Structures are given as structure tokens and as C-alpha cells.
Amino acid sequence: MGVSKIIKIGKYSIQAFAIPLQTKRFILLKGRKGYVMCGYLNLKAANAFRDVAVRIVGVSTIKQALGTKVHSLSHSAQRLGIHKGQLIRDVLKIIA
């Protein structure tokens, strides 16, 4: 079974999920405006759907996800002011 948490960001909340798969965990942090996802994120698909999507890598827990930086991102995320190397905690304030 996976882990599901609610993370408070000001007056908003982020839904956080860590779901065990075959050999890795699927990590997702979902806000009202967009989401942060582990290496399973297909940015080509996210761009096609015009999603505000941020990809992180090298994490296997929600705590690690919160402490990392943006690896790559969709065009829609860039338009919101998110950039490569930005702290995920700062990104969550934008997408919450």
C-alpha cells in the first residue's frame, strides 16, 4: 500500500502520494494548478495536454521530494514562472 498525505501551503493544500511499483516508488505532489512528479513523468505528454508539470529525479519518498529541485518542466510550468533548479518547496507555493 502507498502513502498519501496532505501538505499545507499557506491557505492551500497539496496532495502527496508515494506508491510502490515493481522496483521503484511513484511520487506525485498535486496542487490546484499543477503537479510535481518523479522520473515517471512523460514531459512530451504533459506538454501535449498543456499541463503545469514539474519533473524531479532521485527521490523515493515524499520527504525527499520536498527537499529536491526541479529537474525539468513543461512549457506551461515555465509560463507560470517555474524554472529548472528551483526548490520544490517554492514550486508548491506556485501550484498550490
N, C-alpha and C. Protein backbone atom coordinates (compact mmCIF):
# COMPACT_ATOMS: atom_id res chain seq x y z
N MET A 1 0.83 -1.17 0.00
CA MET A 1 0.00 0.00 0.00
C MET A 1 0.88 1.24 0.00
N GLY A 2 0.40 2.30 -0.57
CA GLY A 2 1.15 3.54 -0.67
C GLY A 2 0.89 4.48 0.49
N VAL A 3 1.53 5.64 0.39
CA VAL A 3 1.39 6.69 1.38
C VAL A 3 0.68 7.87 0.74
N SER A 4 -0.27 8.45 1.46
CA SER A 4 -0.99 9.64 1.00
C SER A 4 -0.98 10.66 2.13
N LYS A 5 -0.61 11.90 1.81
CA LYS A 5 -0.54 12.97 2.82
C LYS A 5 -1.11 14.25 2.24
N ILE A 6 -1.56 15.12 3.12
CA ILE A 6 -1.94 16.47 2.76
C ILE A 6 -0.88 17.40 3.33
N ILE A 7 -0.31 18.25 2.49
CA ILE A 7 0.71 19.21 2.91
C ILE A 7 0.11 20.60 2.79
N LYS A 8 0.12 21.36 3.88
CA LYS A 8 -0.43 22.71 3.87
C LYS A 8 0.61 23.70 3.32
N ILE A 9 0.15 24.51 2.37
CA ILE A 9 0.96 25.58 1.80
C ILE A 9 0.13 26.85 1.93
N GLY A 10 0.39 27.61 2.97
CA GLY A 10 -0.44 28.78 3.24
C GLY A 10 -1.88 28.35 3.48
N LYS A 11 -2.81 28.94 2.74
CA LYS A 11 -4.22 28.57 2.89
C LYS A 11 -4.62 27.43 1.96
N TYR A 12 -3.68 26.94 1.17
CA TYR A 12 -3.96 25.86 0.23
C TYR A 12 -3.32 24.55 0.68
N SER A 13 -3.69 23.48 0.02
CA SER A 13 -3.15 22.16 0.33
C SER A 13 -2.61 21.48 -0.92
N ILE A 14 -1.60 20.68 -0.71
CA ILE A 14 -1.02 19.84 -1.77
C ILE A 14 -1.31 18.39 -1.38
N GLN A 15 -1.76 17.60 -2.32
CA GLN A 15 -1.92 16.16 -2.08
C GLN A 15 -0.60 15.50 -2.45
N ALA A 16 -0.08 14.67 -1.58
CA ALA A 16 1.19 13.99 -1.80
C ALA A 16 0.98 12.49 -1.76
N PHE A 17 1.54 11.80 -2.76
CA PHE A 17 1.39 10.36 -2.87
C PHE A 17 2.74 9.70 -3.11
N ALA A 18 2.96 8.55 -2.48
CA ALA A 18 4.13 7.70 -2.73
C ALA A 18 3.58 6.28 -2.88
N ILE A 19 3.63 5.77 -4.11
CA ILE A 19 3.01 4.48 -4.41
C ILE A 19 4.09 3.50 -4.86
N PRO A 20 4.26 2.39 -4.14
CA PRO A 20 5.25 1.40 -4.56
C PRO A 20 4.83 0.72 -5.87
N LEU A 21 5.76 0.65 -6.80
CA LEU A 21 5.53 -0.08 -8.05
C LEU A 21 6.39 -1.34 -8.01
N GLN A 22 6.82 -1.81 -9.14
CA GLN A 22 7.62 -3.05 -9.16
C GLN A 22 8.97 -2.88 -8.45
N THR A 23 9.75 -1.90 -8.88
CA THR A 23 11.09 -1.72 -8.30
C THR A 23 11.32 -0.33 -7.72
N LYS A 24 10.47 0.60 -8.03
CA LYS A 24 10.61 1.99 -7.58
C LYS A 24 9.29 2.48 -7.00
N ARG A 25 9.31 3.69 -6.46
CA ARG A 25 8.09 4.33 -5.97
C ARG A 25 7.68 5.44 -6.93
N PHE A 26 6.39 5.55 -7.14
CA PHE A 26 5.80 6.63 -7.92
C PHE A 26 5.50 7.76 -6.94
N ILE A 27 6.09 8.94 -7.15
CA ILE A 27 5.92 10.09 -6.26
C ILE A 27 5.15 11.17 -7.03
N LEU A 28 4.10 11.70 -6.40
CA LEU A 28 3.28 12.75 -7.00
C LEU A 28 2.88 13.76 -5.93
N LEU A 29 3.12 15.04 -6.23
CA LEU A 29 2.67 16.15 -5.39
C LEU A 29 1.72 16.96 -6.26
N LYS A 30 0.43 16.98 -5.90
CA LYS A 30 -0.58 17.58 -6.76
C LYS A 30 -1.23 18.80 -6.11
N GLY A 31 -1.19 19.91 -6.84
CA GLY A 31 -1.85 21.13 -6.40
C GLY A 31 -3.00 21.48 -7.32
N ARG A 32 -3.64 22.63 -7.08
CA ARG A 32 -4.76 23.08 -7.90
C ARG A 32 -4.32 23.43 -9.32
N LYS A 33 -3.12 24.00 -9.45
CA LYS A 33 -2.66 24.49 -10.75
C LYS A 33 -1.75 23.53 -11.50
N GLY A 34 -1.22 22.52 -10.82
CA GLY A 34 -0.28 21.63 -11.49
C GLY A 34 0.24 20.57 -10.55
N TYR A 35 1.28 19.88 -11.00
CA TYR A 35 1.82 18.78 -10.21
C TYR A 35 3.32 18.64 -10.39
N VAL A 36 3.91 17.99 -9.38
CA VAL A 36 5.33 17.61 -9.38
C VAL A 36 5.34 16.10 -9.36
N MET A 37 6.16 15.51 -10.21
CA MET A 37 6.17 14.06 -10.31
C MET A 37 7.61 13.55 -10.47
N CYS A 38 7.80 12.32 -10.08
CA CYS A 38 9.11 11.68 -10.17
C CYS A 38 9.47 11.43 -11.65
N GLY A 39 10.53 10.68 -11.85
CA GLY A 39 11.04 10.40 -13.18
C GLY A 39 10.09 9.67 -14.11
N TYR A 40 8.98 9.17 -13.60
CA TYR A 40 7.99 8.52 -14.46
C TYR A 40 7.25 9.52 -15.33
N LEU A 41 7.38 10.82 -15.03
CA LEU A 41 6.67 11.85 -15.79
C LEU A 41 7.14 11.88 -17.24
N ASN A 42 6.19 11.84 -18.15
CA ASN A 42 6.46 11.96 -19.58
C ASN A 42 6.18 13.42 -19.95
N LEU A 43 7.25 14.20 -20.09
CA LEU A 43 7.07 15.62 -20.37
C LEU A 43 6.47 15.88 -21.75
N LYS A 44 6.73 15.02 -22.70
CA LYS A 44 6.13 15.18 -24.03
C LYS A 44 4.60 15.12 -23.92
N ALA A 45 4.11 14.17 -23.15
CA ALA A 45 2.66 14.05 -22.94
C ALA A 45 2.14 15.24 -22.14
N ALA A 46 2.87 15.66 -21.10
CA ALA A 46 2.44 16.80 -20.29
C ALA A 46 2.34 18.05 -21.14
N ASN A 47 3.28 18.25 -22.05
CA ASN A 47 3.22 19.40 -22.95
C ASN A 47 2.04 19.30 -23.91
N ALA A 48 1.79 18.11 -24.41
CA ALA A 48 0.66 17.91 -25.33
C ALA A 48 -0.67 18.23 -24.64
N PHE A 49 -0.78 17.91 -23.35
CA PHE A 49 -2.01 18.19 -22.60
C PHE A 49 -2.01 19.59 -21.98
N ARG A 50 -0.91 20.33 -22.17
CA ARG A 50 -0.74 21.68 -21.61
C ARG A 50 -0.80 21.69 -20.08
N ASP A 51 -0.31 20.61 -19.47
CA ASP A 51 -0.26 20.51 -18.02
C ASP A 51 0.87 21.37 -17.44
N VAL A 52 0.64 21.90 -16.26
CA VAL A 52 1.71 22.52 -15.48
C VAL A 52 2.35 21.36 -14.73
N ALA A 53 3.47 20.89 -15.26
CA ALA A 53 4.10 19.68 -14.76
C ALA A 53 5.58 19.91 -14.50
N VAL A 54 6.04 19.39 -13.37
CA VAL A 54 7.44 19.52 -12.96
C VAL A 54 7.97 18.12 -12.69
N ARG A 55 9.15 17.84 -13.22
CA ARG A 55 9.77 16.51 -13.03
C ARG A 55 10.92 16.62 -12.04
N ILE A 56 10.94 15.67 -11.10
CA ILE A 56 12.04 15.55 -10.15
C ILE A 56 12.65 14.16 -10.31
N VAL A 57 13.89 14.01 -9.92
CA VAL A 57 14.55 12.71 -10.06
C VAL A 57 15.32 12.39 -8.79
N GLY A 58 15.61 11.09 -8.61
CA GLY A 58 16.44 10.65 -7.49
C GLY A 58 15.75 10.66 -6.14
N VAL A 59 14.42 10.59 -6.14
CA VAL A 59 13.68 10.59 -4.88
C VAL A 59 12.83 9.32 -4.77
N SER A 60 12.64 8.86 -3.54
CA SER A 60 11.79 7.69 -3.35
C SER A 60 10.81 7.89 -2.19
N THR A 61 10.83 9.11 -1.59
CA THR A 61 9.89 9.42 -0.52
C THR A 61 9.32 10.83 -0.73
N ILE A 62 8.21 11.11 -0.08
CA ILE A 62 7.63 12.44 -0.13
C ILE A 62 8.59 13.45 0.49
N LYS A 63 9.21 13.09 1.60
CA LYS A 63 10.16 13.99 2.27
C LYS A 63 11.32 14.36 1.34
N GLN A 64 11.86 13.38 0.63
CA GLN A 64 12.94 13.66 -0.32
C GLN A 64 12.44 14.57 -1.44
N ALA A 65 11.21 14.34 -1.90
CA ALA A 65 10.64 15.16 -2.97
C ALA A 65 10.55 16.62 -2.54
N LEU A 66 10.15 16.85 -1.30
CA LEU A 66 10.02 18.22 -0.79
C LEU A 66 11.36 18.93 -0.67
N GLY A 67 12.44 18.16 -0.56
CA GLY A 67 13.76 18.75 -0.38
C GLY A 67 14.61 18.82 -1.64
N THR A 68 14.03 18.51 -2.78
CA THR A 68 14.81 18.50 -4.01
C THR A 68 14.51 19.72 -4.88
N LYS A 69 15.04 19.70 -6.10
CA LYS A 69 14.88 20.82 -7.04
C LYS A 69 14.29 20.32 -8.36
N VAL A 70 13.80 21.25 -9.13
CA VAL A 70 13.24 20.95 -10.44
C VAL A 70 14.33 20.41 -11.36
N HIS A 71 14.06 19.25 -11.94
CA HIS A 71 14.97 18.66 -12.92
C HIS A 71 14.59 19.13 -14.32
N SER A 72 13.31 19.08 -14.64
CA SER A 72 12.80 19.52 -15.93
C SER A 72 11.33 19.88 -15.74
N LEU A 73 10.75 20.54 -16.74
CA LEU A 73 9.38 21.04 -16.58
C LEU A 73 8.71 21.26 -17.92
N SER A 74 7.40 21.36 -17.86
CA SER A 74 6.61 21.59 -19.07
C SER A 74 6.63 23.07 -19.45
N HIS A 75 6.20 23.36 -20.67
CA HIS A 75 6.13 24.74 -21.15
C HIS A 75 5.15 25.55 -20.30
N SER A 76 4.03 24.93 -19.92
CA SER A 76 3.04 25.63 -19.09
C SER A 76 3.61 25.98 -17.72
N ALA A 77 4.45 25.12 -17.17
CA ALA A 77 5.09 25.40 -15.89
C ALA A 77 6.05 26.59 -16.03
N GLN A 78 6.77 26.64 -17.14
CA GLN A 78 7.67 27.76 -17.39
C GLN A 78 6.89 29.07 -17.45
N ARG A 79 5.73 29.05 -18.09
CA ARG A 79 4.91 30.25 -18.21
C ARG A 79 4.40 30.75 -16.85
N LEU A 80 4.30 29.85 -15.88
CA LEU A 80 3.90 30.25 -14.53
C LEU A 80 5.07 30.82 -13.72
N GLY A 81 6.26 30.78 -14.29
CA GLY A 81 7.43 31.31 -13.59
C GLY A 81 8.29 30.28 -12.91
N ILE A 82 7.99 29.01 -13.12
CA ILE A 82 8.80 27.92 -12.55
C ILE A 82 10.02 27.72 -13.44
N HIS A 83 11.16 27.39 -12.85
CA HIS A 83 12.37 27.21 -13.65
C HIS A 83 13.19 26.02 -13.15
N LYS A 84 14.03 25.53 -14.04
CA LYS A 84 14.93 24.42 -13.72
C LYS A 84 15.84 24.81 -12.56
N GLY A 85 16.01 23.90 -11.59
CA GLY A 85 16.85 24.15 -10.44
C GLY A 85 16.14 24.81 -9.27
N GLN A 86 14.88 25.20 -9.46
CA GLN A 86 14.11 25.85 -8.40
C GLN A 86 13.77 24.82 -7.31
N LEU A 87 13.75 25.27 -6.07
CA LEU A 87 13.39 24.39 -4.95
C LEU A 87 11.92 23.97 -5.07
N ILE A 88 11.65 22.71 -4.81
CA ILE A 88 10.28 22.20 -4.91
C ILE A 88 9.36 22.88 -3.90
N ARG A 89 9.85 23.21 -2.74
CA ARG A 89 9.01 23.92 -1.76
C ARG A 89 8.51 25.25 -2.33
N ASP A 90 9.33 25.93 -3.14
CA ASP A 90 8.92 27.17 -3.78
C ASP A 90 7.93 26.90 -4.92
N VAL A 91 8.13 25.81 -5.64
CA VAL A 91 7.22 25.42 -6.71
C VAL A 91 5.83 25.15 -6.13
N LEU A 92 5.78 24.50 -4.99
CA LEU A 92 4.49 24.15 -4.38
C LEU A 92 3.68 25.40 -4.04
N LYS A 93 4.35 26.49 -3.70
CA LYS A 93 3.64 27.74 -3.44
C LYS A 93 2.97 28.27 -4.70
N ILE A 94 3.56 27.98 -5.86
CA ILE A 94 3.01 28.44 -7.13
C ILE A 94 1.84 27.56 -7.58
N ILE A 95 1.97 26.25 -7.41
CA ILE A 95 0.94 25.34 -7.93
C ILE A 95 -0.17 25.01 -6.92
N ALA A 96 0.04 25.41 -5.65
CA ALA A 96 -0.95 25.08 -4.62
C ALA A 96 -2.28 25.69 -4.98
